Amino acid sequence: MDELEAKILQLIQQTCQHPSGSLARQKGLNQIILLIQKTGKLLRGAGIPDAEEALQETWWYFCRNLCEATSAKEPYTPDKSSVITWINNYP
């Protein structure tokens, strides 16, 4: 795990302590998204029709299921994979 991924994991732990829908949670999610994009490891849908829409749906899924599962079977679990792997496996 590199330094940026460690920072993301730390931010996830801090962000998930805030109530769902709170300003603090929203700010944390925004920071995490920016850092994930900065890694350059996020799979891109180049050549896929509606790739931008698919990316927006992925971020929607991420925000709704990172801390508690609202549309997934379970929330993100750091012991199972990195958050980037988890996002890249979103259907």
C-alpha atoms as a PDB file:
ATOM      1  CA  MET A   1       0.000   0.000   0.000  1.00  0.00           C
ATOM      2  CA  ASP A   2       1.464   3.311  -1.038  1.00  0.00           C
ATOM      3  CA  GLU A   3       1.224   6.598   0.861  1.00  0.00           C
ATOM      4  CA  LEU A   4      -1.791   7.871  -1.087  1.00  0.00           C
ATOM      5  CA  GLU A   5      -3.732   4.635  -0.548  1.00  0.00           C
ATOM      6  CA  ALA A   6      -2.906   4.771   3.176  1.00  0.00           C
ATOM      7  CA  LYS A   7      -4.247   8.334   3.283  1.00  0.00           C
ATOM      8  CA  ILE A   8      -7.441   7.186   1.526  1.00  0.00           C
ATOM      9  CA  LEU A   9      -7.941   4.374   4.047  1.00  0.00           C
ATOM     10  CA  GLN A  10      -7.429   6.780   6.954  1.00  0.00           C
ATOM     11  CA  LEU A  11      -9.938   9.213   5.437  1.00  0.00           C
ATOM     12  CA  ILE A  12     -12.460   6.390   4.973  1.00  0.00           C
ATOM     13  CA  GLN A  13     -12.195   5.472   8.644  1.00  0.00           C
ATOM     14  CA  GLN A  14     -12.672   9.103   9.701  1.00  0.00           C
ATOM     15  CA  THR A  15     -15.497   9.788   7.231  1.00  0.00           C
ATOM     16  CA  CYS A  16     -17.520   6.729   8.206  1.00  0.00           C
ATOM     17  CA  GLN A  17     -17.626   7.915  11.822  1.00  0.00           C
ATOM     18  CA  HIS A  18     -19.869  10.813  10.773  1.00  0.00           C
ATOM     19  CA  PRO A  19     -23.634  10.311  10.360  1.00  0.00           C
ATOM     20  CA  SER A  20     -24.951   9.518   6.900  1.00  0.00           C
ATOM     21  CA  GLY A  21     -26.018  12.696   5.111  1.00  0.00           C
ATOM     22  CA  SER A  22     -24.032  14.991   7.412  1.00  0.00           C
ATOM     23  CA  LEU A  23     -21.888  17.767   5.980  1.00  0.00           C
ATOM     24  CA  ALA A  24     -18.784  16.167   7.521  1.00  0.00           C
ATOM     25  CA  ARG A  25     -19.579  12.846   5.776  1.00  0.00           C
ATOM     26  CA  GLN A  26     -20.163  14.620   2.450  1.00  0.00           C
ATOM     27  CA  LYS A  27     -16.890  16.544   2.720  1.00  0.00           C
ATOM     28  CA  GLY A  28     -15.014  13.353   3.565  1.00  0.00           C
ATOM     29  CA  LEU A  29     -16.542  11.496   0.620  1.00  0.00           C
ATOM     30  CA  ASN A  30     -15.547  14.330  -1.721  1.00  0.00           C
ATOM     31  CA  GLN A  31     -11.958  14.244  -0.439  1.00  0.00           C
ATOM     32  CA  ILE A  32     -11.809  10.462  -0.864  1.00  0.00           C
ATOM     33  CA  ILE A  33     -13.128  10.674  -4.429  1.00  0.00           C
ATOM     34  CA  LEU A  34     -10.523  13.295  -5.334  1.00  0.00           C
ATOM     35  CA  LEU A  35      -7.719  11.167  -3.875  1.00  0.00           C
ATOM     36  CA  ILE A  36      -8.946   8.030  -5.661  1.00  0.00           C
ATOM     37  CA  GLN A  37      -8.980   9.920  -8.953  1.00  0.00           C
ATOM     38  CA  LYS A  38      -5.458  11.170  -8.196  1.00  0.00           C
ATOM     39  CA  THR A  39      -4.124   7.588  -7.938  1.00  0.00           C
ATOM     40  CA  GLY A  40      -4.779   6.981 -11.635  1.00  0.00           C
ATOM     41  CA  LYS A  41      -5.833   3.405 -10.791  1.00  0.00           C
ATOM     42  CA  LEU A  42      -9.533   3.855 -11.422  1.00  0.00           C
ATOM     43  CA  LEU A  43     -10.662   1.892 -14.477  1.00  0.00           C
ATOM     44  CA  ARG A  44     -11.999   4.143 -17.192  1.00  0.00           C
ATOM     45  CA  GLY A  45     -14.694   3.308 -19.683  1.00  0.00           C
ATOM     46  CA  ALA A  46     -12.889   4.627 -22.741  1.00  0.00           C
ATOM     47  CA  GLY A  47     -14.825   3.761 -25.851  1.00  0.00           C
ATOM     48  CA  ILE A  48     -17.865   2.685 -23.867  1.00  0.00           C
ATOM     49  CA  PRO A  49     -21.101   4.467 -24.725  1.00  0.00           C
ATOM     50  CA  ASP A  50     -22.289   6.655 -21.849  1.00  0.00           C
ATOM     51  CA  ALA A  51     -18.985   6.254 -19.966  1.00  0.00           C
ATOM     52  CA  GLU A  52     -19.524   9.528 -18.080  1.00  0.00           C
ATOM     53  CA  GLU A  53     -22.944   8.387 -16.919  1.00  0.00           C
ATOM     54  CA  ALA A  54     -21.483   5.052 -15.823  1.00  0.00           C
ATOM     55  CA  LEU A  55     -18.798   6.867 -13.831  1.00  0.00           C
ATOM     56  CA  GLN A  56     -21.443   8.999 -12.101  1.00  0.00           C
ATOM     57  CA  GLU A  57     -23.383   5.843 -11.203  1.00  0.00           C
ATOM     58  CA  THR A  58     -20.182   4.333  -9.812  1.00  0.00           C
ATOM     59  CA  TRP A  59     -19.600   7.361  -7.576  1.00  0.00           C
ATOM     60  CA  TRP A  60     -23.265   7.229  -6.472  1.00  0.00           C
ATOM     61  CA  TYR A  61     -22.781   3.555  -5.530  1.00  0.00           C
ATOM     62  CA  PHE A  62     -19.521   4.425  -3.747  1.00  0.00           C
ATOM     63  CA  CYS A  63     -21.111   7.165  -1.621  1.00  0.00           C
ATOM     64  CA  ARG A  64     -24.130   5.041  -0.709  1.00  0.00           C
ATOM     65  CA  ASN A  65     -22.216   1.877   0.174  1.00  0.00           C
ATOM     66  CA  LEU A  66     -18.819   2.900   1.500  1.00  0.00           C
ATOM     67  CA  CYS A  67     -19.817   3.125   5.168  1.00  0.00           C
ATOM     68  CA  GLU A  68     -23.084   1.208   5.248  1.00  0.00           C
ATOM     69  CA  ALA A  69     -24.706  -0.949   2.593  1.00  0.00           C
ATOM     70  CA  THR A  70     -27.740   0.826   1.204  1.00  0.00           C
ATOM     71  CA  SER A  71     -27.788  -0.712  -2.270  1.00  0.00           C
ATOM     72  CA  ALA A  72     -25.161  -3.439  -1.898  1.00  0.00           C
ATOM     73  CA  LYS A  73     -25.048  -6.669   0.104  1.00  0.00           C
ATOM     74  CA  GLU A  74     -22.400  -5.228   2.397  1.00  0.00           C
ATOM     75  CA  PRO A  75     -20.396  -2.016   2.759  1.00  0.00           C
ATOM     76  CA  TYR A  76     -16.758  -1.668   1.791  1.00  0.00           C
ATOM     77  CA  THR A  77     -14.539  -3.898   3.935  1.00  0.00           C
ATOM     78  CA  PRO A  78     -10.845  -2.888   4.026  1.00  0.00           C
ATOM     79  CA  ASP A  79      -9.801  -6.416   5.054  1.00  0.00           C
ATOM     80  CA  LYS A  80     -11.141  -7.840   1.776  1.00  0.00           C
ATOM     81  CA  SER A  81      -9.649  -5.428  -0.774  1.00  0.00           C
ATOM     82  CA  SER A  82      -8.422  -1.927  -1.411  1.00  0.00           C
ATOM     83  CA  VAL A  83     -11.148   0.644  -1.979  1.00  0.00           C
ATOM     84  CA  ILE A  84      -9.950   1.077  -5.563  1.00  0.00           C
ATOM     85  CA  THR A  85     -10.331  -2.652  -6.253  1.00  0.00           C
ATOM     86  CA  TRP A  86     -13.780  -2.523  -4.639  1.00  0.00           C
ATOM     87  CA  ILE A  87     -14.864   0.363  -6.902  1.00  0.00           C
ATOM     88  CA  ASN A  88     -13.341  -1.188 -10.019  1.00  0.00           C
ATOM     89  CA  ASN A  89     -15.416  -4.320  -9.377  1.00  0.00           C
ATOM     90  CA  TYR A  90     -18.684  -2.391  -9.273  1.00  0.00           C
ATOM     91  CA  PRO A  91     -20.937  -3.962 -11.917  1.00  0.00           C
END
